[in-house]
Amino acid sequence: MAEQSRMARELESREKRPARMVYTPPSTLPDPTPEPGYGFRWVATHILGQADPSNVSRKMRDGWVPVKAVDHPELMLFGNSASGNVEIGGLMLCKAPTEVIESRNEYYAAQAQGQMDSVDNHFMRNNDPRMPLFSDRKTSTSRGTGFGNGT
């Protein structure tokens, strides 16, 4: 058997080796470079290959403005030069001021709360003192001391 020259294990060190790369799959929709005071959203321009101009116009009326590809060169892709906007697979990147986004979120939160109040009022209308209904909306999680808690 031929002898091989080997380095002693204690002379090898992991610090000298290059760091191991961890693979992460690329995202389908890239994130734009953040702009202070603006929020971003992808708006559908085509659904199942058919143009959807009513969705785009509704978003424009909501305050969303198309992002130009020249403003975000990191998102410049083939095919964006025709319209000048950032578009990927039937979706167009739009931006709006954060004040508009927060105002819209508050409006829809108030709408949802009004609907929940209406449901609660309708539910509690059927309340009977002999068998009271409870409308507690608390949720909690806890871990027991039995099977499955890791002890």
N, C-alpha and C. Protein backbone atom coordinates (compact mmCIF):
# COMPACT_ATOMS: atom_id res chain seq x y z
N MET A 1 0.84 -1.17 0.00
CA MET A 1 0.00 0.00 0.00
C MET A 1 0.89 1.25 0.00
N ALA A 2 0.56 2.17 -0.84
CA ALA A 2 1.34 3.39 -0.90
C ALA A 2 0.94 4.31 0.24
N GLU A 3 1.93 4.93 0.83
CA GLU A 3 1.65 5.85 1.94
C GLU A 3 1.30 7.22 1.39
N GLN A 4 0.29 7.81 1.97
CA GLN A 4 -0.11 9.15 1.55
C GLN A 4 0.31 10.14 2.62
N SER A 5 0.76 11.29 2.17
CA SER A 5 1.12 12.30 3.16
C SER A 5 -0.15 13.04 3.57
N ARG A 6 -0.39 13.00 4.84
CA ARG A 6 -1.59 13.65 5.38
C ARG A 6 -1.19 14.71 6.38
N MET A 7 -1.98 15.77 6.40
CA MET A 7 -1.75 16.79 7.43
C MET A 7 -2.41 16.32 8.71
N ALA A 8 -1.84 16.69 9.80
CA ALA A 8 -2.44 16.35 11.09
C ALA A 8 -3.75 17.10 11.24
N ARG A 9 -4.76 16.46 11.85
CA ARG A 9 -6.08 17.07 12.01
C ARG A 9 -6.01 18.39 12.76
N GLU A 10 -5.13 18.50 13.72
CA GLU A 10 -5.07 19.73 14.50
C GLU A 10 -4.53 20.91 13.70
N LEU A 11 -3.85 20.63 12.56
CA LEU A 11 -3.35 21.72 11.74
C LEU A 11 -4.44 22.29 10.81
N GLU A 12 -5.48 21.50 10.55
CA GLU A 12 -6.59 21.99 9.74
C GLU A 12 -7.49 22.87 10.60
N SER A 13 -8.05 23.88 10.01
CA SER A 13 -9.01 24.71 10.76
C SER A 13 -10.13 25.12 9.82
N ARG A 14 -11.30 25.25 10.39
CA ARG A 14 -12.47 25.64 9.60
C ARG A 14 -12.46 27.12 9.24
N GLU A 15 -11.71 27.92 10.01
CA GLU A 15 -11.68 29.35 9.70
C GLU A 15 -11.04 29.62 8.35
N LYS A 16 -10.15 28.76 7.92
CA LYS A 16 -9.45 28.98 6.67
C LYS A 16 -10.30 28.62 5.47
N ARG A 17 -11.32 27.83 5.68
CA ARG A 17 -12.20 27.42 4.59
C ARG A 17 -13.17 28.56 4.26
N PRO A 18 -13.56 28.67 2.99
CA PRO A 18 -14.55 29.72 2.66
C PRO A 18 -15.90 29.40 3.30
N ALA A 19 -16.64 30.44 3.60
CA ALA A 19 -17.96 30.27 4.22
C ALA A 19 -18.88 29.52 3.27
N ARG A 20 -19.67 28.65 3.82
CA ARG A 20 -20.60 27.86 3.02
C ARG A 20 -21.78 28.73 2.60
N MET A 21 -22.11 28.67 1.32
CA MET A 21 -23.22 29.47 0.80
C MET A 21 -24.54 28.75 1.09
N VAL A 22 -25.51 29.48 1.55
CA VAL A 22 -26.84 28.93 1.81
C VAL A 22 -27.74 29.40 0.68
N TYR A 23 -28.35 28.46 -0.03
CA TYR A 23 -29.20 28.79 -1.17
C TYR A 23 -30.57 29.24 -0.70
N THR A 24 -31.04 30.32 -1.27
CA THR A 24 -32.42 30.76 -1.09
C THR A 24 -32.99 31.02 -2.47
N PRO A 25 -34.17 30.49 -2.76
CA PRO A 25 -34.73 30.69 -4.09
C PRO A 25 -35.08 32.15 -4.33
N PRO A 26 -34.95 32.62 -5.56
CA PRO A 26 -35.27 34.03 -5.83
C PRO A 26 -36.76 34.27 -5.72
N SER A 27 -37.12 35.47 -5.30
CA SER A 27 -38.54 35.80 -5.20
C SER A 27 -39.08 36.11 -6.59
N THR A 28 -40.34 35.78 -6.79
CA THR A 28 -40.97 36.04 -8.08
C THR A 28 -41.13 37.53 -8.32
N LEU A 29 -41.50 38.26 -7.27
CA LEU A 29 -41.66 39.71 -7.36
C LEU A 29 -40.59 40.37 -6.49
N PRO A 30 -39.64 41.04 -7.09
CA PRO A 30 -38.58 41.66 -6.30
C PRO A 30 -39.10 42.86 -5.51
N ASP A 31 -38.42 43.14 -4.41
CA ASP A 31 -38.77 44.29 -3.59
C ASP A 31 -38.03 45.52 -4.12
N PRO A 32 -38.74 46.62 -4.32
CA PRO A 32 -38.06 47.83 -4.77
C PRO A 32 -37.25 48.46 -3.65
N THR A 33 -36.33 49.30 -4.01
CA THR A 33 -35.57 50.06 -3.01
C THR A 33 -36.55 50.98 -2.29
N PRO A 34 -36.59 50.90 -0.96
CA PRO A 34 -37.57 51.73 -0.22
C PRO A 34 -37.35 53.23 -0.45
N GLU A 35 -38.44 53.94 -0.53
CA GLU A 35 -38.41 55.40 -0.63
C GLU A 35 -39.10 55.96 0.61
N PRO A 36 -38.48 56.89 1.30
CA PRO A 36 -39.13 57.44 2.50
C PRO A 36 -40.44 58.14 2.14
N GLY A 37 -41.47 57.80 2.91
CA GLY A 37 -42.77 58.43 2.70
C GLY A 37 -43.66 57.74 1.68
N TYR A 38 -43.21 56.61 1.12
CA TYR A 38 -44.00 55.90 0.12
C TYR A 38 -44.09 54.41 0.46
N GLY A 39 -45.22 53.82 0.09
CA GLY A 39 -45.42 52.39 0.19
C GLY A 39 -45.62 51.83 -1.21
N PHE A 40 -45.29 50.56 -1.40
CA PHE A 40 -45.37 49.95 -2.73
C PHE A 40 -46.39 48.81 -2.74
N ARG A 41 -46.95 48.56 -3.93
CA ARG A 41 -47.90 47.47 -4.11
C ARG A 41 -47.85 47.03 -5.57
N TRP A 42 -48.01 45.72 -5.78
CA TRP A 42 -48.11 45.18 -7.13
C TRP A 42 -49.58 45.14 -7.51
N VAL A 43 -49.93 45.77 -8.63
CA VAL A 43 -51.31 45.87 -9.10
C VAL A 43 -51.46 45.01 -10.35
N ALA A 44 -52.52 44.20 -10.40
CA ALA A 44 -52.76 43.32 -11.54
C ALA A 44 -53.23 44.13 -12.75
N THR A 45 -52.49 43.98 -13.86
CA THR A 45 -52.89 44.62 -15.10
C THR A 45 -53.53 43.61 -16.05
N HIS A 46 -53.18 42.34 -15.89
CA HIS A 46 -53.73 41.27 -16.71
C HIS A 46 -54.09 40.10 -15.81
N ILE A 47 -55.23 39.47 -16.08
CA ILE A 47 -55.66 38.28 -15.35
C ILE A 47 -55.95 37.20 -16.37
N LEU A 48 -55.25 36.08 -16.25
CA LEU A 48 -55.37 34.95 -17.19
C LEU A 48 -55.15 35.40 -18.63
N GLY A 49 -54.19 36.29 -18.83
CA GLY A 49 -53.83 36.75 -20.16
C GLY A 49 -54.73 37.83 -20.73
N GLN A 50 -55.77 38.20 -20.01
CA GLN A 50 -56.69 39.24 -20.47
C GLN A 50 -56.42 40.53 -19.70
N ALA A 51 -56.39 41.64 -20.41
CA ALA A 51 -56.17 42.94 -19.78
C ALA A 51 -57.30 43.25 -18.81
N ASP A 52 -56.96 43.86 -17.69
CA ASP A 52 -57.95 44.23 -16.67
C ASP A 52 -57.83 45.73 -16.38
N PRO A 53 -58.27 46.58 -17.31
CA PRO A 53 -58.11 48.02 -17.10
C PRO A 53 -58.95 48.57 -15.96
N SER A 54 -60.06 47.93 -15.62
CA SER A 54 -60.90 48.45 -14.53
C SER A 54 -60.17 48.32 -13.19
N ASN A 55 -59.41 47.26 -12.99
CA ASN A 55 -58.65 47.12 -11.74
C ASN A 55 -57.58 48.20 -11.64
N VAL A 56 -56.88 48.44 -12.74
CA VAL A 56 -55.83 49.45 -12.74
C VAL A 56 -56.42 50.83 -12.49
N SER A 57 -57.53 51.17 -13.14
CA SER A 57 -58.12 52.50 -12.94
C SER A 57 -58.65 52.66 -11.52
N ARG A 58 -59.17 51.59 -10.93
CA ARG A 58 -59.64 51.65 -9.54
C ARG A 58 -58.48 51.94 -8.59
N LYS A 59 -57.35 51.29 -8.83
CA LYS A 59 -56.16 51.54 -7.98
C LYS A 59 -55.63 52.95 -8.17
N MET A 60 -55.70 53.45 -9.41
CA MET A 60 -55.26 54.83 -9.66
C MET A 60 -56.15 55.83 -8.90
N ARG A 61 -57.46 55.57 -8.88
CA ARG A 61 -58.37 56.44 -8.13
C ARG A 61 -58.12 56.34 -6.63
N ASP A 62 -57.59 55.19 -6.17
CA ASP A 62 -57.26 55.01 -4.75
C ASP A 62 -55.97 55.73 -4.37
N GLY A 63 -55.23 56.26 -5.35
CA GLY A 63 -54.02 57.02 -5.05
C GLY A 63 -52.73 56.31 -5.42
N TRP A 64 -52.81 55.15 -6.04
CA TRP A 64 -51.60 54.42 -6.45
C TRP A 64 -51.12 54.97 -7.79
N VAL A 65 -49.81 55.18 -7.90
CA VAL A 65 -49.20 55.73 -9.11
C VAL A 65 -48.18 54.72 -9.62
N PRO A 66 -48.17 54.44 -10.94
CA PRO A 66 -47.18 53.49 -11.48
C PRO A 66 -45.75 53.97 -11.24
N VAL A 67 -44.88 53.03 -10.92
CA VAL A 67 -43.47 53.33 -10.71
C VAL A 67 -42.75 53.23 -12.05
N LYS A 68 -42.01 54.24 -12.40
CA LYS A 68 -41.26 54.25 -13.65
C LYS A 68 -39.98 53.42 -13.50
N ALA A 69 -39.64 52.70 -14.55
CA ALA A 69 -38.46 51.83 -14.53
C ALA A 69 -37.17 52.64 -14.39
N VAL A 70 -37.16 53.87 -14.87
CA VAL A 70 -35.95 54.68 -14.74
C VAL A 70 -35.70 55.10 -13.29
N ASP A 71 -36.75 55.14 -12.47
CA ASP A 71 -36.60 55.49 -11.06
C ASP A 71 -36.03 54.33 -10.25
N HIS A 72 -36.23 53.11 -10.73
CA HIS A 72 -35.73 51.91 -10.05
C HIS A 72 -35.00 51.03 -11.07
N PRO A 73 -33.75 51.38 -11.39
CA PRO A 73 -33.02 50.61 -12.40
C PRO A 73 -32.76 49.16 -11.99
N GLU A 74 -32.78 48.87 -10.69
CA GLU A 74 -32.56 47.49 -10.24
C GLU A 74 -33.71 46.57 -10.63
N LEU A 75 -34.86 47.15 -10.99
CA LEU A 75 -36.02 46.37 -11.40
C LEU A 75 -36.25 46.41 -12.90
N MET A 76 -35.32 47.00 -13.64
CA MET A 76 -35.47 47.10 -15.09
C MET A 76 -35.35 45.72 -15.71
N LEU A 77 -36.41 45.28 -16.38
CA LEU A 77 -36.44 43.98 -17.02
C LEU A 77 -36.78 44.14 -18.48
N PHE A 78 -36.58 43.07 -19.24
CA PHE A 78 -36.95 43.11 -20.65
C PHE A 78 -38.46 43.27 -20.77
N GLY A 79 -38.89 44.10 -21.65
CA GLY A 79 -40.31 44.31 -21.88
C GLY A 79 -40.87 45.51 -21.14
N ASN A 80 -40.13 46.07 -20.19
CA ASN A 80 -40.63 47.24 -19.46
C ASN A 80 -40.44 48.53 -20.25
N SER A 81 -39.64 48.49 -21.30
CA SER A 81 -39.35 49.73 -22.04
C SER A 81 -40.56 50.24 -22.82
N ALA A 82 -41.50 49.36 -23.16
CA ALA A 82 -42.66 49.79 -23.95
C ALA A 82 -43.52 50.79 -23.18
N SER A 83 -43.86 50.48 -21.94
CA SER A 83 -44.72 51.39 -21.17
C SER A 83 -43.89 52.31 -20.27
N GLY A 84 -42.66 51.92 -19.98
CA GLY A 84 -41.83 52.71 -19.09
C GLY A 84 -42.07 52.39 -17.63
N ASN A 85 -43.07 51.54 -17.33
CA ASN A 85 -43.38 51.17 -15.95
C ASN A 85 -42.70 49.84 -15.60
N VAL A 86 -42.60 49.56 -14.31
CA VAL A 86 -42.06 48.28 -13.85
C VAL A 86 -43.21 47.28 -13.87
N GLU A 87 -43.13 46.31 -14.78
CA GLU A 87 -44.17 45.28 -14.90
C GLU A 87 -43.52 43.90 -14.95
N ILE A 88 -44.12 42.98 -14.22
CA ILE A 88 -43.65 41.59 -14.22
C ILE A 88 -44.87 40.69 -14.25
N GLY A 89 -44.99 39.88 -15.28
CA GLY A 89 -46.03 38.86 -15.37
C GLY A 89 -47.45 39.35 -15.12
N GLY A 90 -47.84 40.44 -15.71
CA GLY A 90 -49.20 40.94 -15.55
C GLY A 90 -49.41 41.75 -14.29
N LEU A 91 -48.32 42.08 -13.60
CA LEU A 91 -48.41 42.91 -12.40
C LEU A 91 -47.56 44.16 -12.60
N MET A 92 -48.08 45.30 -12.18
CA MET A 92 -47.38 46.56 -12.32
C MET A 92 -47.09 47.11 -10.92
N LEU A 93 -45.85 47.55 -10.71
CA LEU A 93 -45.47 48.12 -9.43
C LEU A 93 -46.00 49.54 -9.33
N CYS A 94 -46.70 49.83 -8.22
CA CYS A 94 -47.25 51.16 -7.98
C CYS A 94 -46.82 51.63 -6.60
N LYS A 95 -46.85 52.95 -6.40
CA LYS A 95 -46.51 53.51 -5.09
C LYS A 95 -47.54 54.55 -4.71
N ALA A 96 -47.65 54.77 -3.40
CA ALA A 96 -48.56 55.78 -2.86
C ALA A 96 -47.95 56.34 -1.59
N PRO A 97 -48.28 57.58 -1.25
CA PRO A 97 -47.78 58.15 0.01
C PRO A 97 -48.30 57.35 1.21
N THR A 98 -47.47 57.24 2.24
CA THR A 98 -47.85 56.45 3.41
C THR A 98 -49.08 57.04 4.10
N GLU A 99 -49.30 58.36 4.01
CA GLU A 99 -50.50 58.96 4.61
C GLU A 99 -51.76 58.41 3.96
N VAL A 100 -51.72 58.26 2.64
CA VAL A 100 -52.88 57.73 1.92
C VAL A 100 -53.11 56.27 2.31
N ILE A 101 -52.04 55.50 2.42
CA ILE A 101 -52.15 54.09 2.78
C ILE A 101 -52.71 53.93 4.19
N GLU A 102 -52.20 54.73 5.14
CA GLU A 102 -52.69 54.66 6.52
C GLU A 102 -54.15 55.08 6.61
N SER A 103 -54.52 56.13 5.88
CA SER A 103 -55.91 56.59 5.89
C SER A 103 -56.83 55.51 5.33
N ARG A 104 -56.41 54.86 4.25
CA ARG A 104 -57.20 53.77 3.65
C ARG A 104 -57.33 52.61 4.63
N ASN A 105 -56.25 52.24 5.31
CA ASN A 105 -56.29 51.15 6.28
C ASN A 105 -57.23 51.47 7.45
N GLU A 106 -57.21 52.73 7.91
CA GLU A 106 -58.11 53.13 9.00
C GLU A 106 -59.57 53.06 8.54
N TYR A 107 -59.84 53.47 7.30
CA TYR A 107 -61.20 53.43 6.78
C TYR A 107 -61.72 51.99 6.77
N TYR A 108 -60.92 51.07 6.21
CA TYR A 108 -61.37 49.68 6.13
C TYR A 108 -61.41 48.99 7.50
N ALA A 109 -60.55 49.40 8.42
CA ALA A 109 -60.63 48.87 9.78
C ALA A 109 -61.93 49.32 10.45
N ALA A 110 -62.33 50.57 10.22
CA ALA A 110 -63.60 51.07 10.77
C ALA A 110 -64.78 50.34 10.13
N GLN A 111 -64.70 50.06 8.82
CA GLN A 111 -65.76 49.30 8.15
C GLN A 111 -65.89 47.90 8.75
N ALA A 112 -64.76 47.23 8.97
CA ALA A 112 -64.78 45.88 9.53
C ALA A 112 -65.30 45.91 10.96
N GLN A 113 -64.92 46.92 11.74
CA GLN A 113 -65.40 47.02 13.12
C GLN A 113 -66.91 47.26 13.14
N GLY A 114 -67.41 48.08 12.24
CA GLY A 114 -68.86 48.31 12.14
C GLY A 114 -69.61 47.03 11.81
N GLN A 115 -69.06 46.22 10.93
CA GLN A 115 -69.69 44.94 10.59
C GLN A 115 -69.68 43.99 11.78
N MET A 116 -68.56 43.95 12.52
CA MET A 116 -68.50 43.09 13.70
C MET A 116 -69.48 43.56 14.77
N ASP A 117 -69.60 44.87 14.95
CA ASP A 117 -70.57 45.39 15.91
C ASP A 117 -71.99 45.01 15.51
N SER A 118 -72.29 45.08 14.23
CA SER A 118 -73.62 44.70 13.74
C SER A 118 -73.90 43.22 14.00
N VAL A 119 -72.92 42.37 13.74
CA VAL A 119 -73.09 40.93 14.00
C VAL A 119 -73.29 40.69 15.49
N ASP A 120 -72.51 41.36 16.33
CA ASP A 120 -72.65 41.20 17.78
C ASP A 120 -74.04 41.64 18.25
N ASN A 121 -74.51 42.79 17.73
CA ASN A 121 -75.84 43.28 18.12
C ASN A 121 -76.93 42.30 17.71
N HIS A 122 -76.81 41.76 16.52
CA HIS A 122 -77.79 40.79 16.04
C HIS A 122 -77.75 39.51 16.89
N PHE A 123 -76.53 39.08 17.24
CA PHE A 123 -76.36 37.88 18.05
C PHE A 123 -76.93 38.08 19.45
N MET A 124 -76.62 39.22 20.07
CA MET A 124 -77.05 39.46 21.44
C MET A 124 -78.54 39.80 21.53
N ARG A 125 -79.19 40.08 20.42
CA ARG A 125 -80.63 40.33 20.41
C ARG A 125 -81.39 39.08 20.84
N ASN A 126 -80.80 37.92 20.58
CA ASN A 126 -81.43 36.65 20.94
C ASN A 126 -81.08 36.20 22.36
N ASN A 127 -80.52 37.09 23.16
CA ASN A 127 -80.11 36.75 24.52
C ASN A 127 -81.34 36.52 25.40
N ASP A 128 -81.25 35.50 26.24
CA ASP A 128 -82.33 35.17 27.18
C ASP A 128 -81.71 35.06 28.56
N PRO A 129 -82.32 35.69 29.60
CA PRO A 129 -81.73 35.62 30.95
C PRO A 129 -81.63 34.19 31.48
N ARG A 130 -82.50 33.28 31.02
CA ARG A 130 -82.44 31.90 31.49
C ARG A 130 -81.22 31.17 30.96
N MET A 131 -80.76 31.59 29.78
CA MET A 131 -79.57 30.97 29.19
C MET A 131 -78.80 32.08 28.48
N PRO A 132 -77.94 32.81 29.23
CA PRO A 132 -77.27 33.98 28.65
C PRO A 132 -76.23 33.58 27.59
N LEU A 133 -76.09 34.46 26.62
CA LEU A 133 -75.08 34.29 25.58
C LEU A 133 -73.85 35.09 25.96
N PHE A 134 -72.71 34.60 25.59
CA PHE A 134 -71.47 35.30 25.88
C PHE A 134 -70.85 35.74 24.57
N SER A 135 -70.35 36.96 24.53
CA SER A 135 -69.71 37.45 23.32
C SER A 135 -68.27 37.86 23.63
N ASP A 136 -67.57 37.02 24.38
CA ASP A 136 -66.17 37.30 24.67
C ASP A 136 -65.36 37.08 23.40
N ARG A 137 -64.48 38.00 23.11
CA ARG A 137 -63.66 37.89 21.91
C ARG A 137 -62.19 37.78 22.29
N LYS A 138 -61.90 37.11 23.37
CA LYS A 138 -60.52 36.91 23.80
C LYS A 138 -60.02 35.58 23.25
N THR A 139 -58.80 35.59 22.76
CA THR A 139 -58.16 34.35 22.35
C THR A 139 -56.83 34.26 23.06
N SER A 140 -56.48 33.05 23.42
CA SER A 140 -55.19 32.86 24.07
C SER A 140 -54.69 31.46 23.76
N THR A 141 -53.41 31.31 23.87
CA THR A 141 -52.80 30.00 23.70
C THR A 141 -51.99 29.69 24.94
N SER A 142 -51.95 28.44 25.28
CA SER A 142 -51.15 28.03 26.44
C SER A 142 -50.63 26.63 26.18
N ARG A 143 -49.60 26.29 26.91
CA ARG A 143 -49.03 24.96 26.80
C ARG A 143 -49.30 24.22 28.10
N GLY A 144 -49.83 23.06 27.97
CA GLY A 144 -50.14 22.26 29.14
C GLY A 144 -48.90 21.54 29.67
N THR A 145 -49.13 20.73 30.69
CA THR A 145 -48.03 19.96 31.28
C THR A 145 -48.09 18.52 30.87
N GLY A 146 -48.97 18.18 29.97
CA GLY A 146 -49.14 16.78 29.58
C GLY A 146 -48.35 16.41 28.35
N PHE A 147 -48.87 15.46 27.62
CA PHE A 147 -48.21 14.91 26.45
C PHE A 147 -48.01 15.97 25.37
N GLY A 148 -46.83 15.97 24.76
CA GLY A 148 -46.58 16.84 23.63
C GLY A 148 -45.99 18.19 23.92
N ASN A 149 -45.66 18.47 25.18
CA ASN A 149 -45.11 19.80 25.47
C ASN A 149 -43.59 19.78 25.50
N GLY A 150 -42.96 18.66 25.21
CA GLY A 150 -41.52 18.62 25.12
C GLY A 150 -40.83 18.27 26.42
N THR A 151 -41.59 17.92 27.46
CA THR A 151 -40.94 17.55 28.70
C THR A 151 -41.05 16.07 28.95
